[in-house]
Protein backbone atom coordinates (compact mmCIF):
# COMPACT_ATOMS: atom_id res chain seq x y z
CA UNK A 1 2.12 2.53 -8.51
CA UNK A 2 0.94 4.31 -11.83
CA UNK A 3 3.89 6.14 -11.90
CA UNK A 4 6.35 3.71 -10.72
CA UNK A 5 5.18 1.36 -13.50
CA UNK A 6 5.69 4.06 -15.83
CA UNK A 7 9.52 4.78 -14.71
CA UNK A 8 8.53 8.15 -13.33
CA UNK A 9 10.30 7.76 -10.56
CA UNK A 10 10.42 11.44 -9.00
CA UNK A 11 6.65 11.72 -9.56
CA UNK A 12 6.52 7.98 -8.15
CA UNK A 13 8.24 9.21 -5.23
CA UNK A 14 6.56 12.53 -4.15
CA UNK A 15 3.12 10.56 -4.56
CA UNK A 16 4.04 7.64 -2.46
CA UNK A 17 5.33 9.93 0.51
CA UNK A 18 2.25 11.77 0.51
CA UNK A 19 0.31 8.13 0.59
CA UNK A 20 2.39 6.91 3.42
CA UNK A 21 1.95 10.16 5.31
CA UNK A 22 -1.89 10.15 4.84
CA UNK A 23 -2.78 6.57 5.03
CA UNK A 24 0.56 4.89 6.83
CA UNK A 25 -1.00 1.23 7.22
CA UNK A 26 -1.90 0.76 3.68
CA UNK A 27 2.06 0.76 3.24
CA UNK A 28 2.65 -1.33 6.56
CA UNK A 29 0.03 -3.93 5.10
CA UNK A 30 1.50 -4.17 1.69
CA UNK A 31 4.88 -4.74 3.03
CA UNK A 32 3.87 -7.68 5.64
CA UNK A 33 4.88 -11.41 5.11
CA UNK A 34 1.00 -12.55 6.60
CA UNK A 35 -1.67 -10.55 6.30
CA UNK A 36 -4.78 -11.42 9.08
CA UNK A 37 -7.91 -9.97 8.52
CA UNK A 38 -8.98 -7.42 11.15
CA UNK A 39 -11.40 -8.25 14.20
CA UNK A 40 -13.75 -5.93 12.98
CA UNK A 41 -13.62 -6.79 8.94
CA UNK A 42 -16.75 -6.11 7.46
CA UNK A 43 -16.24 -6.01 3.69
CA UNK A 44 -19.45 -3.35 2.97
CA UNK A 45 -17.01 -0.37 4.39
CA UNK A 46 -13.75 0.68 5.79
CA UNK A 47 -13.07 3.06 7.81
CA UNK A 48 -10.66 5.63 6.40
CA UNK A 49 -7.24 5.32 7.58
CA UNK A 50 -7.81 1.93 9.62
CA UNK A 51 -6.84 -1.73 9.51
CA UNK A 52 -9.64 -2.40 7.80
CA UNK A 53 -8.78 0.02 4.78
CA UNK A 54 -5.28 -1.30 4.21
CA UNK A 55 -6.39 -4.87 4.74
CA UNK A 56 -8.91 -4.14 1.64
CA UNK A 57 -6.01 -2.20 -0.71
CA UNK A 58 -3.85 -5.32 -0.13
CA UNK A 59 -7.02 -7.63 -0.91
CA UNK A 60 -7.32 -5.41 -4.25
CA UNK A 61 -3.79 -4.48 -5.28
CA UNK A 62 -1.72 -6.58 -3.50
CA UNK A 63 -0.95 -8.58 -6.29
CA UNK A 64 0.05 -5.92 -8.28
CA UNK A 65 2.98 -4.65 -6.30
CA UNK A 66 3.88 -7.65 -6.20
CA UNK A 67 4.21 -8.77 -9.38
CA UNK A 68 5.93 -5.26 -9.96
CA UNK A 69 9.55 -6.05 -10.36
CA UNK A 70 11.23 -4.19 -7.13
CA UNK A 71 7.76 -2.48 -6.00
CA UNK A 72 7.85 -3.16 -2.53
CA UNK A 73 11.53 -3.04 -1.71
CA UNK A 74 10.65 0.31 -3.47
CA UNK A 75 8.15 0.85 -0.85
CA UNK A 76 10.07 -0.19 2.08
CA UNK A 77 13.08 2.34 1.24
CA UNK A 78 11.16 5.51 0.73
CA UNK A 79 10.60 7.40 4.20
CA UNK A 80 7.74 9.78 4.58
């Protein structure tokens, strides 16, 4: 997101591809229309790469992605 906001699109795309490869559920969560808390949700911890991590990321940073003009569309357009 930082590279995207700075307009450094080559670096932004490179880092996004890595993030989507390593944590694909986060990108999916960010682009959902509805966000449902996982059944096993516990805000004290998250499982690396799990649905709960994706949901926690969306809770913490989803508004930033939504406010950044074109960011979610860009996120959808970048393939791993």
